[in-house]
Amino acid sequence: MNIVALLFPEIALIAIGWGLYRGGRFSDAFWSGAEQLVYFVLFPALLFGALVRNPVSIGASAPMLAAALGAFAVGIALGFLARPLLAPSGRRFASGVQCAFRFNSYITLALALRLGGDAGLSFAALLVGVFVPAVNFAAVYALARHSGAGVARELARNPLVIATVAGLAAKSLGLQLPEPVDATLTRLGQAALGIGLILVGAGLRLERGAIAEAGAARQAARLAAWFGATKLLVMPLVALALAQLFALEPLARVIVVLFAAVPPAPAAYVLTTRMGGDGRFVALLITGYTLASLATLPLWLWAADQNL
């Protein structure tokens, strides 16, 4: 399995977005409109469709879900612990904390299919379907608290949360999407991936001096290191330990570790910008962690594949 080859399209699209923004051919109004399209239409369609299509039984996969939940809980706890320990700026912390526990579902699903075929894809789809709502709740909570908005109100009107809750409800009711509807959602989801990654690249605008106030650069570096270590090192280690503890079958063990070890999703940037957070900082984290995952992901997948 060539991790670099699998991640190359994501890195390339981010680079294209950065080049397009730096080229100056498109106005700020264009980028703002594209962000709204992804946030209100494309990503919700992607999440709803993926949840309704999920073929795996939640009950039969309880041990795998428990292992993933443990890793996810540790990621959230350590992410929020950064505030009292590192004393970062409120806006930067609220924006970046989601990168300590968010996961890139596109990379997760692509690698799961390569690793385990349809069975691996089914396991990964279940994890994505179950944890997308929790991820969005935690991310929106941090941003809503910082902005002073009512958390319940922000969650109730957040399109990503609405889409995930609606998808889970439809799945529980046994809803089967008509083929034309499913095909439409699939195409919208494909557009979400490409445009979302381009927007991440366009958000890379941290010029020299952008965080030049006294101590800000060091503070941002410490925060980025803390979130990065949590996401790329601690979460997969916890997932691997719990997978062993629960005696998961080999494929389920690999998928759980994969779920914990992938970098954060481009949706983190879209959510941050739409809620008035520090989108440039989040874009930098996503890009940096994705690049770092080229080294860490193969190591964690190798460890998960061993008979420890």
Protein backbone atom coordinates (compact mmCIF):
# COMPACT_ATOMS: atom_id res chain seq x y z
CA MET A 1 0.00 0.00 0.00
CA ASN A 2 1.42 3.36 -1.05
CA ILE A 3 0.20 5.93 1.49
CA VAL A 4 1.91 8.78 -0.35
CA ALA A 5 0.07 7.94 -3.56
CA LEU A 6 -3.26 7.79 -1.73
CA LEU A 7 -2.71 11.16 -0.06
CA PHE A 8 -1.26 12.88 -3.10
CA PRO A 9 -4.65 14.06 -4.52
CA GLU A 10 -5.51 15.76 -1.21
CA ILE A 11 -2.14 17.52 -1.05
CA ALA A 12 -2.35 18.48 -4.73
CA LEU A 13 -5.82 20.04 -4.35
CA ILE A 14 -4.68 22.03 -1.32
CA ALA A 15 -1.70 23.29 -3.33
CA ILE A 16 -3.98 24.20 -6.24
CA GLY A 17 -6.25 26.19 -3.91
CA TRP A 18 -3.25 28.04 -2.50
CA GLY A 19 -2.01 28.82 -6.03
CA LEU A 20 -5.42 30.01 -7.20
CA TYR A 21 -5.81 32.34 -4.26
CA ARG A 22 -2.28 33.69 -4.57
CA GLY A 23 -2.80 34.20 -8.30
CA GLY A 24 -5.52 36.75 -7.52
CA ARG A 25 -7.82 35.89 -10.43
CA PHE A 26 -10.76 35.25 -8.11
CA SER A 27 -12.22 37.83 -5.74
CA ASP A 28 -12.85 37.42 -2.02
CA ALA A 29 -16.58 37.31 -2.88
CA PHE A 30 -15.91 34.24 -5.04
CA TRP A 31 -14.13 32.40 -2.21
CA SER A 32 -16.82 33.39 0.28
CA GLY A 33 -19.52 32.07 -2.03
CA ALA A 34 -17.65 28.81 -2.55
CA GLU A 35 -17.34 28.36 1.21
CA GLN A 36 -21.09 28.83 1.63
CA LEU A 37 -21.81 26.34 -1.16
CA VAL A 38 -19.66 23.68 0.51
CA TYR A 39 -20.93 24.41 4.01
CA PHE A 40 -24.66 24.60 3.30
CA VAL A 41 -25.06 22.20 0.36
CA LEU A 42 -22.19 19.92 -0.61
CA PHE A 43 -20.92 18.64 2.74
CA PRO A 44 -24.43 18.03 4.16
CA ALA A 45 -25.32 16.03 1.04
CA LEU A 46 -22.13 13.99 1.41
CA LEU A 47 -22.78 13.18 5.07
CA PHE A 48 -26.46 12.33 4.64
CA GLY A 49 -25.83 10.03 1.70
CA ALA A 50 -22.95 8.20 3.41
CA LEU A 51 -25.01 7.57 6.53
CA VAL A 52 -28.04 6.23 4.68
CA ARG A 53 -25.87 3.85 2.62
CA ASN A 54 -24.02 2.41 5.65
CA PRO A 55 -24.64 -1.39 5.60
CA VAL A 56 -23.05 -2.42 8.92
CA SER A 57 -24.97 -3.30 12.08
CA ILE A 58 -24.05 -1.07 15.01
CA GLY A 59 -24.89 -3.75 17.57
CA ALA A 60 -22.64 -6.39 16.04
CA SER A 61 -19.73 -3.95 15.90
CA ALA A 62 -19.93 -2.79 19.54
CA PRO A 63 -16.33 -3.76 20.48
CA MET A 64 -14.92 -1.91 17.49
CA LEU A 65 -17.05 1.14 18.29
CA ALA A 66 -15.95 1.01 21.93
CA ALA A 67 -12.28 1.05 20.92
CA ALA A 68 -12.86 3.99 18.58
CA LEU A 69 -14.87 5.81 21.25
CA GLY A 70 -12.02 5.45 23.73
CA ALA A 71 -9.52 6.97 21.31
CA PHE A 72 -11.94 9.73 20.38
CA ALA A 73 -12.65 10.57 24.05
CA VAL A 74 -8.93 10.82 24.80
CA GLY A 75 -8.47 13.12 21.79
CA ILE A 76 -11.23 15.45 22.99
CA ALA A 77 -9.98 15.45 26.58
CA LEU A 78 -6.39 16.23 25.62
CA GLY A 79 -7.50 18.80 23.07
CA PHE A 80 -9.52 20.78 25.60
CA LEU A 81 -6.78 20.36 28.22
CA ALA A 82 -4.59 22.61 26.07
CA ARG A 83 -6.52 25.66 27.19
CA PRO A 84 -5.62 25.57 30.90
CA LEU A 85 -2.13 24.18 30.26
CA LEU A 86 -0.97 26.42 27.41
CA ALA A 87 -3.21 29.48 27.95
CA PRO A 88 -3.66 30.22 24.21
CA SER A 89 -5.82 32.98 22.78
CA GLY A 90 -9.48 32.06 23.02
CA ARG A 91 -10.17 32.42 19.31
CA ARG A 92 -7.17 30.33 18.23
CA PHE A 93 -7.93 27.60 20.76
CA ALA A 94 -11.64 27.42 19.88
CA SER A 95 -10.75 27.19 16.20
CA GLY A 96 -7.90 24.70 16.42
CA VAL A 97 -9.05 22.29 19.13
CA GLN A 98 -11.16 20.33 16.65
CA CYS A 99 -7.95 19.37 14.83
CA ALA A 100 -6.97 17.31 17.89
CA PHE A 101 -9.81 14.86 17.29
CA ARG A 102 -11.40 15.39 13.86
CA PHE A 103 -10.74 12.79 11.18
CA ASN A 104 -10.59 12.98 7.40
CA SER A 105 -13.40 10.65 6.32
CA TYR A 106 -12.25 10.73 2.67
CA ILE A 107 -8.80 9.39 3.54
CA THR A 108 -10.35 6.93 6.00
CA LEU A 109 -12.73 5.46 3.43
CA ALA A 110 -10.16 5.37 0.62
CA LEU A 111 -7.58 3.56 2.74
CA ALA A 112 -10.17 1.21 4.26
CA LEU A 113 -11.23 0.10 0.78
CA ARG A 114 -7.60 -0.45 -0.22
CA LEU A 115 -6.83 -2.37 2.99
CA GLY A 116 -9.92 -4.54 3.37
CA GLY A 117 -12.07 -4.26 0.28
CA ASP A 118 -15.82 -4.02 0.83
CA ALA A 119 -15.53 -5.39 4.38
CA GLY A 120 -12.99 -2.74 5.34
CA LEU A 121 -15.10 -0.04 3.69
CA SER A 122 -18.17 -1.16 5.66
CA PHE A 123 -16.29 -0.97 8.95
CA ALA A 124 -14.99 2.50 8.10
CA ALA A 125 -18.41 3.72 6.96
CA LEU A 126 -19.87 2.68 10.31
CA LEU A 127 -17.21 4.62 12.22
CA VAL A 128 -17.70 7.67 10.02
CA GLY A 129 -21.47 7.51 10.43
CA VAL A 130 -21.36 7.16 14.20
CA PHE A 131 -18.63 9.68 14.97
CA VAL A 132 -19.37 12.51 12.51
CA PRO A 133 -22.19 13.84 14.74
CA ALA A 134 -20.01 13.66 17.86
CA VAL A 135 -17.13 15.41 16.08
CA ASN A 136 -19.37 18.20 14.87
CA PHE A 137 -21.00 18.61 18.28
CA ALA A 138 -17.60 19.00 19.97
CA ALA A 139 -16.26 21.35 17.29
CA VAL A 140 -19.36 23.55 17.22
CA TYR A 141 -19.44 23.62 21.02
CA ALA A 142 -15.93 25.11 21.23
CA LEU A 143 -16.55 27.71 18.52
CA ALA A 144 -20.01 28.65 19.81
CA ARG A 145 -18.73 29.16 23.35
CA HIS A 146 -15.96 31.44 22.13
CA SER A 147 -18.24 33.50 19.90
CA GLY A 148 -20.81 33.92 22.66
CA ALA A 149 -23.51 32.24 20.60
CA GLY A 150 -25.92 29.83 22.23
CA VAL A 151 -24.45 26.35 21.86
CA ALA A 152 -27.84 24.67 21.53
CA ARG A 153 -28.92 27.18 18.89
CA GLU A 154 -25.70 26.77 16.91
CA LEU A 155 -25.98 22.98 17.01
CA ALA A 156 -29.64 23.08 16.00
CA ARG A 157 -28.97 25.16 12.91
CA ASN A 158 -25.57 23.76 11.93
CA PRO A 159 -26.05 22.10 8.50
CA LEU A 160 -23.42 19.43 9.15
CA VAL A 161 -25.09 18.39 12.40
CA ILE A 162 -28.54 18.50 10.79
CA ALA A 163 -27.35 16.29 7.94
CA THR A 164 -25.79 13.69 10.23
CA VAL A 165 -28.80 13.50 12.55
CA ALA A 166 -31.14 13.25 9.55
CA GLY A 167 -28.98 10.53 8.01
CA LEU A 168 -28.94 8.45 11.19
CA ALA A 169 -32.70 8.85 11.58
CA ALA A 170 -33.32 7.83 7.97
CA LYS A 171 -31.07 4.80 8.40
CA SER A 172 -32.83 3.72 11.59
CA LEU A 173 -36.16 3.89 9.75
CA GLY A 174 -34.82 1.70 6.95
CA LEU A 175 -35.04 4.39 4.30
CA GLN A 176 -33.73 3.33 0.89
CA LEU A 177 -32.84 6.18 -1.40
CA PRO A 178 -34.13 5.95 -4.99
CA GLU A 179 -31.25 5.49 -7.42
CA PRO A 180 -31.57 8.97 -9.00
CA VAL A 181 -31.53 10.60 -5.55
CA ASP A 182 -28.59 8.50 -4.41
CA ALA A 183 -26.67 9.32 -7.59
CA THR A 184 -27.34 13.03 -7.07
CA LEU A 185 -26.08 12.90 -3.48
CA THR A 186 -23.01 10.98 -4.63
CA ARG A 187 -22.13 13.65 -7.16
CA LEU A 188 -22.65 16.43 -4.62
CA GLY A 189 -20.39 14.55 -2.21
CA GLN A 190 -17.67 14.20 -4.82
CA ALA A 191 -17.83 17.94 -5.41
CA ALA A 192 -17.58 18.56 -1.65
CA LEU A 193 -14.26 16.71 -1.51
CA GLY A 194 -12.59 18.60 -4.34
CA ILE A 195 -13.90 22.08 -3.60
CA GLY A 196 -13.41 21.67 0.16
CA LEU A 197 -9.73 20.83 -0.29
CA ILE A 198 -9.23 23.74 -2.68
CA LEU A 199 -10.78 26.03 -0.06
CA VAL A 200 -8.32 24.73 2.51
CA GLY A 201 -5.48 25.75 0.20
CA ALA A 202 -7.06 29.14 -0.42
CA GLY A 203 -7.19 29.64 3.33
CA LEU A 204 -3.42 29.34 3.70
CA ARG A 205 -2.84 33.06 4.10
CA LEU A 206 -0.50 33.19 7.10
CA GLU A 207 1.96 35.67 5.70
CA ARG A 208 5.04 36.74 7.66
CA GLY A 209 3.78 38.96 10.47
CA ALA A 210 0.20 37.66 10.38
CA ILE A 211 0.60 36.53 14.00
CA ALA A 212 3.50 38.83 14.81
CA GLU A 213 2.25 40.21 18.14
CA ALA A 214 4.53 39.41 21.08
CA GLY A 215 4.63 35.72 21.86
CA ALA A 216 1.87 34.84 19.40
CA ALA A 217 4.04 32.80 17.05
CA ARG A 218 5.47 30.74 19.92
CA GLN A 219 2.03 30.29 21.40
CA ALA A 220 0.63 29.11 18.07
CA ALA A 221 3.54 26.70 17.60
CA ARG A 222 3.02 25.16 21.05
CA LEU A 223 -0.70 24.79 20.41
CA ALA A 224 -0.10 23.23 16.99
CA ALA A 225 2.41 20.77 18.47
CA TRP A 226 0.01 19.78 21.26
CA PHE A 227 -2.93 19.20 18.91
CA GLY A 228 -0.72 17.41 16.39
CA ALA A 229 0.77 15.03 18.96
CA THR A 230 -2.72 14.27 20.25
CA LYS A 231 -4.14 13.55 16.82
CA LEU A 232 -1.28 11.73 15.12
CA LEU A 233 0.40 9.96 18.06
CA VAL A 234 -1.77 9.61 21.16
CA MET A 235 -5.13 8.81 19.55
CA PRO A 236 -3.81 5.95 17.37
CA LEU A 237 -1.81 4.58 20.31
CA VAL A 238 -4.96 4.47 22.45
CA ALA A 239 -6.93 2.91 19.58
CA LEU A 240 -4.30 0.21 19.14
CA ALA A 241 -4.22 -0.57 22.86
CA LEU A 242 -8.01 -0.80 23.10
CA ALA A 243 -8.24 -2.90 19.94
CA GLN A 244 -5.87 -5.38 21.57
CA LEU A 245 -7.77 -5.22 24.86
CA PHE A 246 -11.08 -5.97 23.15
CA ALA A 247 -9.47 -8.69 20.99
CA LEU A 248 -10.77 -7.23 17.74
CA GLU A 249 -10.39 -9.26 14.59
CA PRO A 250 -7.38 -8.17 12.48
CA LEU A 251 -9.30 -6.11 9.92
CA ALA A 252 -11.41 -4.34 12.53
CA ARG A 253 -8.22 -3.56 14.50
CA VAL A 254 -6.56 -2.01 11.45
CA ILE A 255 -9.63 0.08 10.60
CA VAL A 256 -9.96 1.40 14.16
CA VAL A 257 -6.30 2.45 14.20
CA LEU A 258 -6.69 4.00 10.75
CA PHE A 259 -9.73 5.97 11.96
CA ALA A 260 -7.72 7.36 14.87
CA ALA A 261 -4.53 8.08 12.91
CA VAL A 262 -5.78 10.01 9.85
CA PRO A 263 -5.32 13.81 9.80
CA PRO A 264 -8.21 16.22 10.41
CA ALA A 265 -10.83 16.88 7.75
CA PRO A 266 -11.13 19.93 5.48
CA ALA A 267 -14.58 20.44 7.01
CA ALA A 268 -12.76 21.87 10.05
CA TYR A 269 -11.66 24.84 7.97
CA VAL A 270 -15.11 25.36 6.44
CA LEU A 271 -16.79 25.20 9.85
CA THR A 272 -14.28 27.60 11.38
CA THR A 273 -14.61 30.26 8.72
CA ARG A 274 -18.41 30.08 8.73
CA MET A 275 -18.48 30.55 12.52
CA GLY A 276 -16.01 33.44 12.59
CA GLY A 277 -12.97 31.53 13.86
CA ASP A 278 -9.31 31.65 12.85
CA GLY A 279 -9.55 29.88 9.51
CA ARG A 280 -5.92 30.56 8.57
CA PHE A 281 -4.65 28.80 11.67
CA VAL A 282 -6.92 25.80 11.07
CA ALA A 283 -5.87 25.61 7.42
CA LEU A 284 -2.24 25.54 8.52
CA LEU A 285 -2.96 22.74 11.02
CA ILE A 286 -4.81 20.63 8.45
CA THR A 287 -2.05 21.00 5.90
CA GLY A 288 0.75 20.36 8.38
CA TYR A 289 -0.91 17.34 9.94
CA THR A 290 -1.76 15.87 6.54
CA LEU A 291 1.88 16.17 5.51
CA ALA A 292 3.05 14.69 8.82
CA SER A 293 0.62 11.79 8.40
CA LEU A 294 2.62 10.67 5.37
CA ALA A 295 5.18 9.48 7.93
CA THR A 296 2.96 8.47 10.84
CA LEU A 297 0.15 6.63 9.03
CA PRO A 298 2.31 3.84 7.55
CA LEU A 299 3.85 3.22 10.97
CA TRP A 300 0.49 2.92 12.73
CA LEU A 301 -0.97 0.71 10.01
CA TRP A 302 2.09 -1.52 10.23
CA ALA A 303 1.72 -1.75 14.02
CA ALA A 304 -2.00 -2.56 13.75
CA ASP A 305 -1.29 -5.31 11.26
CA GLN A 306 1.12 -7.13 13.56
CA ASN A 307 0.05 -9.96 15.84
CA LEU A 308 0.95 -8.08 19.01
